[in-house]
């Protein structure tokens, strides 16, 4: 019987690879080739550590990508709304800029007209002044002609003064129109930048979301390609110091982070998970005895009343397998919500099910 659950025995079968060879991509390839070719006993510890670290890094990076993809997907509606808002602001700014440009052009025309009229009035006033002087010099002296010339001169000077005020007003209006146009142009430039920035943010998020599945698959392939190496190399140097506890479950540090994230995500989905991970060689021997194996060391797993791996072959003994439970019961029913969740999601965290045991999950499926 399982030392971890109240029902169903914790069993094992001889280790076997459940993944076909996959093409490994990226910079990890050279590292994997190095690991695969390392045979010298002096390098055993280094290669084991490398294979395990590579598996952990690949799976943790993959899970980070999953989280990033979810974050980007959640942000995308807001980013698109920002694009719509910024586009509206840009259209309004451009409309304001066009109106300001028209106003400025009209003001410039009015200013030019006022200045031309003023210049003509000054010329007329100068002619009126000359007429007064000429009338005064005329002989015989004609008083009525002088009075008439002076009246014309007074009227001309009044017109000059009035037109001077109009020129000042037109100049002020033109200056204000040009200032407004400059401000509108600056707002349009700012709105253009904001609109482009928002559009680029949406484009970047969409590109990243599109590219993540390929990278995600590559990382899964990297982890799967070395999972058996992780097992064999870890088995050669394993000590209890390589384990840690995740929510009370003792597992190898190699799988600790992905395992914890799997438990956390299952809980968020309303599926409480727990289980039993590492067990000692003595516990494996005791389990073989309890499960009625004909011989502790040689009888195949299938000859036991409940299939149980030969001591030394169980991934539990190196902390790379977990017998999953839910609600304090071993997951033995494939129709249960817990098994269905694991079947649909455990692969995302690097865990594969042993087909003969619904509760047994490991990095190789053995």
Protein backbone atom coordinates (compact mmCIF):
# COMPACT_ATOMS: atom_id res chain seq x y z
CA UNK A 1 0.00 0.00 0.00
CA UNK A 2 1.10 3.52 -0.66
CA UNK A 3 2.89 5.32 2.16
CA UNK A 4 1.28 8.53 0.86
CA UNK A 5 -2.44 7.81 0.42
CA UNK A 6 -5.23 5.90 2.14
CA UNK A 7 -6.32 4.04 -0.99
CA UNK A 8 -4.54 2.28 -3.88
CA UNK A 9 -0.98 1.07 -3.69
CA UNK A 10 1.86 3.20 -4.87
CA UNK A 11 3.36 1.16 -7.67
CA UNK A 12 6.12 1.32 -10.18
CA UNK A 13 7.14 -0.30 -13.42
CA UNK A 14 10.64 -0.59 -14.91
CA UNK A 15 11.83 2.74 -16.17
CA UNK A 16 11.24 3.31 -19.86
CA UNK A 17 11.26 6.30 -22.15
CA UNK A 18 7.79 7.40 -23.21
CA UNK A 19 8.89 10.15 -25.56
CA UNK A 20 10.14 9.71 -29.09
CA UNK A 21 13.23 11.60 -30.09
CA UNK A 22 12.45 15.19 -30.84
CA UNK A 23 14.37 17.85 -32.66
CA UNK A 24 15.97 20.17 -30.15
CA UNK A 25 16.29 23.76 -31.21
CA UNK A 26 18.06 26.77 -29.87
CA UNK A 27 21.28 27.20 -27.93
CA UNK A 28 20.47 24.26 -25.68
CA UNK A 29 21.32 21.83 -28.51
CA UNK A 30 25.07 22.09 -28.02
CA UNK A 31 24.61 21.66 -24.29
CA UNK A 32 22.50 18.53 -24.81
CA UNK A 33 25.07 17.02 -27.15
CA UNK A 34 27.72 17.62 -24.53
CA UNK A 35 25.58 15.92 -21.90
CA UNK A 36 24.83 12.98 -24.15
CA UNK A 37 28.50 12.43 -24.89
CA UNK A 38 29.74 12.66 -21.31
CA UNK A 39 30.75 9.18 -20.15
CA UNK A 40 33.70 9.69 -17.87
CA UNK A 41 32.83 8.94 -14.22
CA UNK A 42 34.68 12.07 -13.16
CA UNK A 43 32.12 14.14 -15.06
CA UNK A 44 29.02 12.33 -13.75
CA UNK A 45 28.10 14.96 -11.19
CA UNK A 46 28.57 17.80 -13.67
CA UNK A 47 26.48 16.21 -16.44
CA UNK A 48 23.69 15.25 -14.04
CA UNK A 49 23.56 18.73 -12.68
CA UNK A 50 23.62 20.12 -16.22
CA UNK A 51 20.81 17.89 -17.51
CA UNK A 52 18.63 18.58 -14.51
CA UNK A 53 19.33 22.30 -14.59
CA UNK A 54 18.62 22.43 -18.31
CA UNK A 55 15.30 20.62 -17.82
CA UNK A 56 14.33 22.99 -15.00
CA UNK A 57 15.35 26.08 -16.95
CA UNK A 58 13.43 24.96 -20.03
CA UNK A 59 10.25 24.18 -18.08
CA UNK A 60 10.41 27.30 -15.94
CA UNK A 61 10.98 29.44 -19.02
CA UNK A 62 8.06 27.71 -20.72
CA UNK A 63 5.79 28.42 -17.75
CA UNK A 64 6.98 32.02 -17.70
CA UNK A 65 5.99 32.23 -21.36
CA UNK A 66 2.56 30.81 -20.52
CA UNK A 67 2.11 33.50 -17.89
CA UNK A 68 3.40 36.16 -20.27
CA UNK A 69 1.03 35.00 -23.01
CA UNK A 70 -1.90 35.14 -20.60
CA UNK A 71 -0.83 38.60 -19.45
CA UNK A 72 -0.54 39.90 -22.99
CA UNK A 73 -3.88 38.38 -23.98
CA UNK A 74 -5.49 40.10 -21.01
CA UNK A 75 -3.84 43.41 -21.92
CA UNK A 76 -4.73 43.29 -25.61
CA UNK A 77 -8.36 44.58 -25.30
CA UNK A 78 -7.12 47.54 -23.26
CA UNK A 79 -4.33 48.22 -25.75
CA UNK A 80 -6.83 48.15 -28.62
CA UNK A 81 -9.14 50.50 -26.74
CA UNK A 82 -6.19 52.85 -26.31
CA UNK A 83 -5.56 52.76 -30.06
CA UNK A 84 -9.19 53.74 -30.68
CA UNK A 85 -8.97 56.55 -28.15
CA UNK A 86 -5.65 57.84 -29.46
CA UNK A 87 -6.92 57.70 -33.05
CA UNK A 88 -9.95 59.77 -32.04
CA UNK A 89 -7.72 62.28 -30.27
CA UNK A 90 -5.49 62.46 -33.32
CA UNK A 91 -8.43 63.11 -35.65
CA UNK A 92 -9.66 65.88 -33.35
CA UNK A 93 -6.19 67.41 -33.10
CA UNK A 94 -5.81 67.35 -36.88
CA UNK A 95 -9.24 68.96 -37.29
CA UNK A 96 -8.26 71.68 -34.82
CA UNK A 97 -4.96 72.16 -36.61
CA UNK A 98 -6.71 72.56 -39.99
CA UNK A 99 -9.16 75.09 -38.52
CA UNK A 100 -6.29 77.00 -36.92
CA UNK A 101 -4.43 77.02 -40.23
CA UNK A 102 -7.50 78.47 -42.00
CA UNK A 103 -7.96 81.08 -39.29
CA UNK A 104 -4.30 82.04 -39.50
CA UNK A 105 -4.50 82.36 -43.29
CA UNK A 106 -7.58 84.58 -43.04
CA UNK A 107 -5.88 86.71 -40.39
CA UNK A 108 -2.81 87.09 -42.59
CA UNK A 109 -4.98 88.22 -45.51
CA UNK A 110 -6.85 90.69 -43.29
CA UNK A 111 -3.56 92.04 -41.96
CA UNK A 112 -2.19 92.55 -45.45
CA UNK A 113 -5.41 94.28 -46.54
CA UNK A 114 -5.39 96.56 -43.49
CA UNK A 115 -1.77 97.50 -44.08
CA UNK A 116 -2.38 98.23 -47.76
CA UNK A 117 -5.43 100.37 -46.93
CA UNK A 118 -3.47 102.19 -44.26
CA UNK A 119 -0.62 102.87 -46.67
CA UNK A 120 -3.08 104.28 -49.23
CA UNK A 121 -4.67 106.48 -46.55
CA UNK A 122 -1.30 107.87 -45.57
CA UNK A 123 -0.56 108.69 -49.17
CA UNK A 124 -3.96 110.44 -49.45
CA UNK A 125 -3.28 112.37 -46.22
CA UNK A 126 0.09 113.48 -47.59
CA UNK A 127 -1.56 114.71 -50.78
CA UNK A 128 -4.19 116.59 -48.70
CA UNK A 129 -1.45 118.32 -46.72
CA UNK A 130 0.29 119.32 -49.97
CA UNK A 131 -3.01 120.68 -51.29
CA UNK A 132 -3.41 122.88 -48.21
CA UNK A 133 0.08 124.35 -48.72
CA UNK A 134 -0.60 124.92 -52.39
CA UNK A 135 -3.92 126.66 -51.65
CA UNK A 136 -2.24 128.95 -49.14
CA UNK A 137 0.45 129.96 -51.67
CA UNK A 138 -2.02 130.58 -54.46
CA UNK A 139 -2.48 134.24 -55.53
CA UNK A 140 -4.80 135.88 -55.42
CA UNK A 141 -5.60 134.27 -52.07
CA UNK A 142 -8.77 132.13 -52.17
CA UNK A 143 -10.04 131.59 -48.60
CA UNK A 144 -12.74 129.10 -49.54
CA UNK A 145 -10.22 126.95 -51.42
CA UNK A 146 -7.94 126.94 -48.36
CA UNK A 147 -10.83 125.97 -46.05
CA UNK A 148 -11.86 123.14 -48.38
CA UNK A 149 -8.29 121.81 -48.58
CA UNK A 150 -7.93 121.86 -44.82
CA UNK A 151 -11.20 119.95 -44.40
CA UNK A 152 -9.95 117.33 -46.83
CA UNK A 153 -6.69 117.13 -44.92
CA UNK A 154 -8.50 116.68 -41.57
CA UNK A 155 -10.64 113.91 -42.99
CA UNK A 156 -7.58 112.18 -44.49
CA UNK A 157 -5.67 112.33 -41.18
CA UNK A 158 -8.69 110.93 -39.29
CA UNK A 159 -8.85 108.08 -41.78
CA UNK A 160 -5.14 107.36 -41.24
CA UNK A 161 -5.65 107.24 -37.47
CA UNK A 162 -8.65 104.91 -37.79
CA UNK A 163 -6.86 102.64 -40.22
CA UNK A 164 -3.79 102.59 -37.93
CA UNK A 165 -5.96 101.13 -35.15
CA UNK A 166 -7.32 98.56 -37.62
CA UNK A 167 -3.77 97.58 -38.59
CA UNK A 168 -2.85 97.12 -34.92
CA UNK A 169 -5.93 94.99 -34.37
CA UNK A 170 -5.26 92.89 -37.50
CA UNK A 171 -1.66 92.39 -36.40
CA UNK A 172 -2.81 91.25 -32.93
CA UNK A 173 -5.38 88.87 -34.45
CA UNK A 174 -2.73 87.43 -36.77
CA UNK A 175 -0.28 86.89 -33.91
CA UNK A 176 -2.96 85.10 -31.86
CA UNK A 177 -3.96 82.97 -34.87
CA UNK A 178 -0.35 81.97 -35.47
CA UNK A 179 0.11 81.10 -31.79
CA UNK A 180 -3.05 78.99 -31.89
CA UNK A 181 -1.85 77.26 -35.05
CA UNK A 182 1.52 76.47 -33.45
CA UNK A 183 -0.21 75.01 -30.39
CA UNK A 184 -2.59 72.99 -32.59
CA UNK A 185 0.36 71.70 -34.62
CA UNK A 186 2.16 70.64 -31.46
CA UNK A 187 -0.97 68.88 -30.17
CA UNK A 188 -1.35 67.11 -33.50
CA UNK A 189 2.28 65.98 -33.36
CA UNK A 190 1.83 64.70 -29.81
CA UNK A 191 -1.40 62.93 -30.78
CA UNK A 192 0.33 61.38 -33.79
CA UNK A 193 3.12 60.03 -31.59
CA UNK A 194 0.62 58.69 -29.04
CA UNK A 195 -1.45 57.05 -31.77
CA UNK A 196 1.60 55.42 -33.34
CA UNK A 197 2.85 54.26 -29.94
CA UNK A 198 -0.51 52.68 -29.12
CA UNK A 199 -0.67 50.97 -32.51
CA UNK A 200 2.87 49.65 -32.11
CA UNK A 201 2.02 48.31 -28.64
CA UNK A 202 -0.89 46.33 -30.09
CA UNK A 203 1.25 45.10 -32.97
CA UNK A 204 4.08 44.07 -30.64
CA UNK A 205 1.69 42.25 -28.30
CA UNK A 206 0.06 40.42 -31.21
CA UNK A 207 3.43 39.42 -32.67
CA UNK A 208 4.61 38.16 -29.31
CA UNK A 209 1.43 36.21 -28.68
CA UNK A 210 1.78 34.66 -32.14
CA UNK A 211 5.43 33.75 -31.63
CA UNK A 212 5.08 32.33 -28.10
CA UNK A 213 3.57 28.94 -29.07
CA UNK A 214 6.58 28.12 -31.26
CA UNK A 215 9.03 29.00 -28.51
CA UNK A 216 6.82 27.19 -26.00
CA UNK A 217 6.94 24.03 -28.14
CA UNK A 218 10.71 24.34 -28.54
CA UNK A 219 11.19 24.49 -24.77
CA UNK A 220 8.91 21.48 -24.24
CA UNK A 221 10.95 19.62 -26.86
CA UNK A 222 14.17 20.53 -25.10
CA UNK A 223 12.88 19.25 -21.77
CA UNK A 224 11.42 16.06 -23.28
CA UNK A 225 14.64 15.32 -25.16
CA UNK A 226 16.69 15.16 -21.98
CA UNK A 227 14.12 13.80 -19.51
CA UNK A 228 15.58 10.29 -19.63
CA UNK A 229 19.09 11.70 -19.28
CA UNK A 230 17.94 13.61 -16.22
CA UNK A 231 16.68 10.34 -14.73
CA UNK A 232 19.78 8.26 -15.45
CA UNK A 233 22.26 10.93 -14.48
CA UNK A 234 20.38 11.95 -11.34
CA UNK A 235 20.10 8.32 -10.27
CA UNK A 236 23.90 7.98 -10.45
CA UNK A 237 24.60 10.76 -7.94
CA UNK A 238 21.34 11.18 -6.03
CA UNK A 239 21.38 12.10 -2.35
CA UNK A 240 18.59 13.24 -0.04
CA UNK A 241 20.06 16.77 -0.12
CA UNK A 242 18.77 17.09 -3.68
CA UNK A 243 15.17 17.06 -2.46
CA UNK A 244 12.92 19.78 -1.15
CA UNK A 245 9.33 20.04 0.05
CA UNK A 246 6.48 21.54 -1.92
CA UNK A 247 3.33 21.92 0.17
CA UNK A 248 4.50 19.03 2.32
CA UNK A 249 5.42 16.80 -0.64
CA UNK A 250 9.08 15.81 -0.93
CA UNK A 251 10.34 16.07 -4.52
CA UNK A 252 13.63 16.52 -6.34
CA UNK A 253 14.65 20.16 -6.60
CA UNK A 254 14.78 19.70 -10.38
CA UNK A 255 10.99 19.48 -10.61
CA UNK A 256 10.07 21.55 -7.55
CA UNK A 257 9.22 24.85 -9.27
CA UNK A 258 7.11 23.39 -12.13
CA UNK A 259 5.38 21.06 -9.66
CA UNK A 260 4.48 23.92 -7.34
CA UNK A 261 3.11 25.95 -10.24
CA UNK A 262 1.02 22.99 -11.32
CA UNK A 263 -0.46 22.63 -7.83
CA UNK A 264 -1.14 26.37 -7.69
CA UNK A 265 -2.79 26.52 -11.11
CA UNK A 266 -4.91 23.44 -10.38
CA UNK A 267 -6.11 25.09 -7.17
CA UNK A 268 -7.07 28.20 -9.16
CA UNK A 269 -9.09 25.93 -11.42
CA UNK A 270 -10.88 24.44 -8.41
CA UNK A 271 -8.94 21.17 -8.43
CA UNK A 272 -7.10 20.53 -5.13
CA UNK A 273 -4.03 18.37 -5.70
CA UNK A 274 -1.51 16.78 -3.40
CA UNK A 275 0.40 13.51 -3.37
CA UNK A 276 3.45 11.52 -2.42
CA UNK A 277 6.82 12.05 -4.02
CA UNK A 278 10.18 10.85 -2.78
CA UNK A 279 10.54 7.59 -0.87
CA UNK A 280 13.65 5.78 0.29
CA UNK A 281 15.00 2.46 -0.95
CA UNK A 282 13.81 0.90 2.30
CA UNK A 283 10.27 2.21 1.69
CA UNK A 284 10.35 0.79 -1.84
CA UNK A 285 11.45 -2.61 -0.49
CA UNK A 286 8.70 -2.51 2.12
CA UNK A 287 6.16 -1.63 -0.54
CA UNK A 288 7.27 -4.60 -2.69
CA UNK A 289 6.79 -6.83 0.30
CA UNK A 290 3.32 -5.49 1.10
CA UNK A 291 2.27 -5.80 -2.53
CA UNK A 292 3.22 -9.48 -2.60
CA UNK A 293 5.98 -9.44 -5.18
CA UNK A 294 7.42 -13.00 -5.58
CA UNK A 295 10.95 -11.69 -5.17
CA UNK A 296 11.96 -8.27 -3.90
CA UNK A 297 14.89 -7.82 -6.29
CA UNK A 298 14.14 -9.83 -9.41
CA UNK A 299 10.40 -10.30 -9.88
CA UNK A 300 9.00 -8.01 -12.59
CA UNK A 301 6.66 -5.26 -11.52
CA UNK A 302 3.70 -6.96 -13.18
CA UNK A 303 4.12 -10.10 -11.03
CA UNK A 304 3.13 -8.20 -7.86
CA UNK A 305 -0.45 -8.08 -6.65
CA UNK A 306 -0.23 -4.38 -7.36
CA UNK A 307 2.44 -3.51 -9.95
CA UNK A 308 5.45 -2.20 -8.02
CA UNK A 309 8.88 -1.29 -9.38
CA UNK A 310 12.01 -3.19 -8.39
CA UNK A 311 14.05 -1.22 -5.83
CA UNK A 312 16.51 1.00 -7.65
CA UNK A 313 14.22 1.50 -10.63
CA UNK A 314 11.55 3.68 -9.09
CA UNK A 315 11.62 7.38 -9.95
CA UNK A 316 10.16 7.96 -6.49
CA UNK A 317 13.57 6.98 -5.11
CA UNK A 318 15.14 10.03 -6.75
CA UNK A 319 12.17 12.34 -6.24
CA UNK A 320 11.22 12.61 -9.92
CA UNK A 321 7.77 11.02 -9.65
CA UNK A 322 4.62 11.86 -7.71
CA UNK A 323 1.61 9.72 -6.88
CA UNK A 324 -1.11 12.35 -7.14
CA UNK A 325 -4.03 12.63 -4.75
CA UNK A 326 -7.06 14.88 -4.63
CA UNK A 327 -9.24 15.37 -1.59
CA UNK A 328 -6.85 13.07 0.35
CA UNK A 329 -7.64 10.19 -2.02
CA UNK A 330 -5.40 8.62 -4.63
CA UNK A 331 -6.45 9.59 -8.14
CA UNK A 332 -7.42 6.16 -9.45
CA UNK A 333 -10.48 7.12 -11.52
CA UNK A 334 -9.73 8.44 -14.98
CA UNK A 335 -13.19 9.98 -15.09
CA UNK A 336 -12.52 12.11 -12.04
CA UNK A 337 -12.17 15.86 -12.42
CA UNK A 338 -8.68 15.69 -10.92
CA UNK A 339 -7.43 13.17 -13.50
CA UNK A 340 -9.09 15.04 -16.34
CA UNK A 341 -7.39 18.24 -15.26
CA UNK A 342 -4.01 16.51 -15.03
CA UNK A 343 -4.52 14.79 -18.38
CA UNK A 344 -5.26 18.14 -20.00
CA UNK A 345 -2.65 20.24 -18.22
CA UNK A 346 0.17 18.27 -16.55
CA UNK A 347 2.19 18.18 -19.77
CA UNK A 348 2.48 21.96 -19.60
CA UNK A 349 4.53 21.50 -16.44
CA UNK A 350 6.66 18.63 -17.76
CA UNK A 351 4.76 15.71 -16.18
CA UNK A 352 3.64 12.57 -18.03
CA UNK A 353 1.26 9.89 -16.80
CA UNK A 354 2.11 6.19 -16.50
CA UNK A 355 -0.82 4.68 -18.44
CA UNK A 356 -1.29 1.75 -16.06
CA UNK A 357 -1.52 4.05 -13.01
CA UNK A 358 -3.78 7.12 -13.21
CA UNK A 359 -2.16 8.55 -10.10
CA UNK A 360 1.48 8.22 -11.18
CA UNK A 361 3.11 11.20 -12.90
CA UNK A 362 6.79 11.75 -13.69
CA UNK A 363 9.01 13.59 -16.14
CA UNK A 364 9.30 10.50 -18.38
CA UNK A 365 5.95 8.81 -17.84
CA UNK A 366 7.66 5.79 -16.30
